[in-house]
Protein backbone atom coordinates (compact mmCIF):
# COMPACT_ATOMS: atom_id res chain seq x y z
CA MET A 1 27.74 -1.38 -31.35
CA PRO A 2 30.31 -0.68 -28.54
CA ILE A 3 32.92 2.06 -28.66
CA ILE A 4 34.37 2.46 -32.13
CA ASN A 5 38.07 3.39 -32.23
CA THR A 6 40.05 4.40 -35.29
CA VAL A 7 43.79 4.30 -36.05
CA SER A 8 45.91 4.84 -39.08
CA SER A 9 47.37 1.36 -39.47
CA GLN A 10 46.51 -2.26 -38.88
CA ASP A 11 49.60 -2.75 -36.78
CA ALA A 12 48.69 0.12 -34.45
CA ALA A 13 45.15 -1.26 -34.13
CA GLU A 14 46.41 -4.77 -33.25
CA LYS A 15 48.67 -3.39 -30.55
CA GLU A 16 45.86 -1.37 -28.98
CA ILE A 17 43.49 -4.41 -29.02
CA ALA A 18 46.23 -6.58 -27.39
CA ALA A 19 46.82 -3.91 -24.64
CA LEU A 20 43.09 -3.75 -23.92
CA ALA A 21 42.82 -7.49 -23.77
CA ALA A 22 45.73 -7.61 -21.31
CA ALA A 23 43.76 -5.26 -19.09
CA GLY A 24 40.74 -7.48 -19.23
CA ILE A 25 38.75 -5.24 -21.61
CA PRO A 26 37.01 -7.01 -24.51
CA ALA A 27 38.12 -5.57 -27.84
CA GLY A 28 38.23 -6.76 -31.47
CA ASN A 29 36.33 -6.66 -34.74
CA LEU A 30 39.27 -5.16 -36.53
CA ARG A 31 38.34 -3.85 -40.01
CA ASP A 32 39.63 -1.71 -42.77
CA ILE A 33 37.40 1.31 -43.35
CA SER A 34 39.77 3.25 -45.59
CA ASP A 35 37.51 3.13 -48.67
CA SER A 36 34.52 4.57 -46.73
CA TRP A 37 36.51 7.50 -45.43
CA ARG A 38 39.15 8.16 -48.09
CA PRO A 39 39.42 11.94 -48.75
CA ASN A 40 38.30 13.38 -52.03
CA LEU A 41 40.81 14.36 -54.63
CA CYS A 42 42.16 17.89 -54.13
CA ASP A 43 45.37 19.89 -54.16
CA TYR A 44 46.55 18.23 -50.93
CA TRP A 45 45.02 14.78 -51.38
CA THR A 46 46.70 13.77 -54.60
CA GLU A 47 46.08 10.34 -56.10
CA ASP A 48 49.28 8.97 -54.44
CA LYS A 49 48.27 10.25 -51.00
CA ARG A 50 44.73 8.98 -51.45
CA ALA A 51 46.03 5.54 -52.41
CA ALA A 52 48.32 5.44 -49.33
CA PHE A 53 45.50 6.56 -46.95
CA GLN A 54 44.61 3.96 -44.30
CA LEU A 55 42.01 4.02 -41.61
CA TRP A 56 41.36 0.99 -39.42
CA ALA A 57 38.53 0.62 -36.90
CA TYR A 58 38.03 -1.71 -33.93
CA ASP A 59 35.60 -2.04 -31.11
CA SER A 60 36.42 -1.78 -27.43
CA TYR A 61 34.46 -2.43 -24.24
CA ILE A 62 32.41 -4.96 -26.14
CA GLY A 63 29.35 -5.84 -24.09
CA LEU A 64 30.21 -3.30 -21.45
CA CYS A 65 28.76 -0.10 -22.77
CA LEU A 66 25.78 1.05 -20.82
CA ASP A 67 24.74 4.63 -21.74
CA ASP A 68 25.90 7.44 -24.02
CA ARG A 69 25.49 11.14 -23.78
CA GLU A 70 26.49 14.39 -25.42
CA MET A 71 27.94 17.36 -23.52
CA ASN A 72 27.50 20.56 -25.38
CA GLY A 73 30.16 23.18 -24.90
CA TYR A 74 30.41 26.81 -26.06
CA ASP A 75 31.88 25.89 -29.48
CA ASP A 76 32.13 22.09 -29.46
CA SER A 77 30.45 18.98 -28.22
CA ASP A 78 31.97 15.92 -26.53
CA PHE A 79 30.38 12.48 -26.51
CA TYR A 80 30.71 10.13 -23.55
CA MET A 81 30.01 6.47 -22.95
CA MET A 82 29.34 4.96 -19.50
CA VAL A 83 31.19 1.66 -19.38
CA TYR A 84 31.81 -1.16 -16.90
CA GLU A 85 35.36 -1.71 -15.82
CA PRO A 86 35.87 -5.44 -15.09
CA SER A 87 39.23 -5.11 -13.36
CA SER A 88 37.90 -2.74 -10.68
CA ASP A 89 34.21 -3.82 -10.73
CA SER A 90 33.23 -0.14 -11.27
CA PHE A 91 31.58 2.19 -13.74
CA HIS A 92 33.07 5.25 -15.40
CA GLU A 93 32.74 7.42 -18.54
CA ILE A 94 34.96 7.51 -21.53
CA MET A 95 34.93 10.28 -24.17
CA PHE A 96 34.65 8.43 -27.43
CA ALA A 97 34.09 11.31 -29.87
CA THR A 98 34.27 15.07 -30.07
CA THR A 99 33.72 17.85 -32.58
CA ARG A 100 37.03 19.27 -31.51
CA GLY A 101 38.68 16.95 -34.03
CA TRP A 102 37.91 14.42 -36.75
CA THR A 103 36.14 11.56 -35.05
CA TYR A 104 33.24 10.87 -37.38
CA PRO A 105 33.45 6.99 -37.45
CA SER A 106 33.22 6.95 -33.63
CA TYR A 107 29.84 8.59 -33.71
CA GLY A 108 28.43 5.13 -34.46
CA SER A 109 29.30 3.93 -30.89
CA LYS A 110 26.20 2.75 -29.05
CA PRO A 111 25.37 1.00 -25.73
CA ASP A 112 25.48 -2.80 -26.02
CA ALA A 113 25.41 -4.08 -22.47
CA PRO A 114 23.27 -7.19 -21.76
CA PRO A 115 20.29 -7.07 -19.37
CA GLU A 116 22.19 -8.46 -16.42
CA LEU A 117 24.84 -5.73 -16.65
CA LYS A 118 22.18 -3.07 -17.03
CA ALA A 119 20.53 -4.34 -13.89
CA LYS A 120 23.84 -4.12 -12.07
CA PHE A 121 24.28 -0.56 -13.28
CA ASP A 122 20.72 0.32 -12.21
CA ALA A 123 21.48 -0.99 -8.74
CA HIS A 124 24.69 1.05 -8.70
CA LEU A 125 22.73 4.20 -9.58
CA ALA A 126 20.08 3.47 -7.00
CA ALA A 127 22.77 3.17 -4.30
CA LEU A 128 24.32 6.45 -5.38
CA TYR A 129 20.91 8.25 -5.31
CA LYS A 130 20.13 6.76 -1.91
CA ALA A 131 23.51 7.88 -0.54
CA ALA A 132 23.07 11.39 -1.95
CA HIS A 133 19.55 11.62 -0.56
CA GLU A 134 20.70 10.47 2.91
CA ARG A 135 23.61 12.95 2.72
CA LYS A 136 21.25 15.78 1.87
CA GLU A 137 18.92 14.82 4.73
CA LEU A 138 21.78 14.72 7.15
CA GLU A 139 23.01 18.14 5.96
CA GLU A 140 19.55 19.57 6.45
CA ILE A 141 19.33 18.06 9.92
CA MET A 142 22.78 19.41 10.89
CA THR A 143 22.33 22.91 9.43
CA PRO A 144 21.87 25.49 12.22
CA GLU A 145 18.51 27.35 11.87
CA PRO A 146 16.01 29.04 14.21
CA GLY A 147 14.22 26.64 16.57
CA LYS A 148 17.07 24.09 16.71
CA ARG A 149 19.11 23.45 19.83
CA LEU A 150 22.78 24.34 19.29
CA GLN A 151 26.04 23.88 21.18
CA VAL A 152 29.17 25.83 20.72
CA ILE A 153 31.95 23.35 20.12
CA LYS A 154 35.00 25.54 19.21
CA GLY A 155 36.09 29.10 18.80
CA ARG A 156 37.51 31.79 21.01
CA LYS A 157 34.52 32.25 23.31
CA ALA A 158 31.43 30.56 24.68
CA VAL A 159 32.73 27.03 24.08
CA GLY A 160 30.25 24.60 25.70
CA VAL A 161 27.37 27.03 25.66
CA GLU A 162 24.05 25.46 24.62
CA GLY A 163 20.73 26.97 23.74
CA ILE A 164 18.05 27.57 21.15
CA CYS A 165 18.87 29.16 17.84
CA ILE A 166 16.92 32.42 17.51
CA TRP A 167 18.57 33.79 14.35
CA ALA A 168 20.75 32.56 11.49
CA GLY A 169 22.11 34.56 8.60
CA HIS A 170 25.04 36.10 6.87
CA PHE A 171 26.83 38.88 8.69
CA LYS A 172 29.20 41.25 6.86
CA ARG A 173 32.32 42.08 8.83
CA GLY A 174 32.63 45.80 8.00
CA PHE A 175 31.15 48.31 5.58
CA SER A 176 33.47 47.91 2.68
CA ARG A 177 32.20 46.13 -0.47
CA TRP A 178 35.23 43.79 -0.05
CA ALA A 179 34.55 43.00 3.58
CA ASP A 180 34.31 39.31 4.44
CA SER A 181 30.96 37.83 5.38
CA ALA A 182 30.20 34.87 7.55
CA PHE A 183 27.23 32.70 8.36
CA ARG A 184 26.40 33.34 11.96
CA VAL A 185 23.82 32.27 14.50
CA GLY A 186 22.22 33.65 17.54
CA ILE A 187 21.95 31.28 20.48
CA LYS A 188 19.66 31.98 23.52
CA THR A 189 20.66 29.96 26.55
CA ASP A 190 18.15 28.55 29.03
CA ASP A 191 18.95 31.42 31.44
CA GLY A 192 18.16 34.06 28.75
CA GLN A 193 21.63 35.02 27.60
CA VAL A 194 22.15 35.56 23.88
CA HIS A 195 25.43 34.73 22.02
CA PHE A 196 26.19 35.43 18.42
CA ILE A 197 28.59 32.87 17.06
CA ASP A 198 29.98 31.79 13.65
CA ALA A 199 27.96 28.92 12.49
CA LYS A 200 31.05 26.92 11.76
CA ASN A 201 31.71 26.77 15.52
CA VAL A 202 28.43 25.19 16.49
CA GLN A 203 26.69 21.90 16.05
CA VAL A 204 23.03 20.84 16.24
CA VAL A 205 22.30 18.74 19.40
């Protein structure tokens, strides 16, 4: 079952289905679910109001729903579906239900993607994980730390100086609790001079 949407009239549902179809998103299976969700008789829900109650459901992203998840908040929970967007050949999440309001029929939304789309999504995730891993490795390589050779590339002093990092750490500029701190490094040049520089002004060479 793909994403289940609910509206209060057949006309509104038909307009939403048409809008989705115009955007290339499969939608349909329009159905009247009023009897299943009609409120019980009470002071507010009189017989006349109950008789006039309408609730229509339709499905969207048919065959394009890949994975669902729940995000728990402090007081409420939101429910998300990962879907494939044909127009942009991309994947993104849609919040299809929430405990912040009345969305009970939508809780029945479930992934329905065929195997070939799941394989495409798995390849997409693998590419993201690979890129993230490579980015992390590059960040580790380019992070100044003792033993690495550094060069000062900007700043007010020692630009162009190159040497071995002998210290790296956070330095507090002053004694006040509100004093700024900066990540700094100590560079020892080949001739034995030592320079202490803000890490943002150096690069690993």
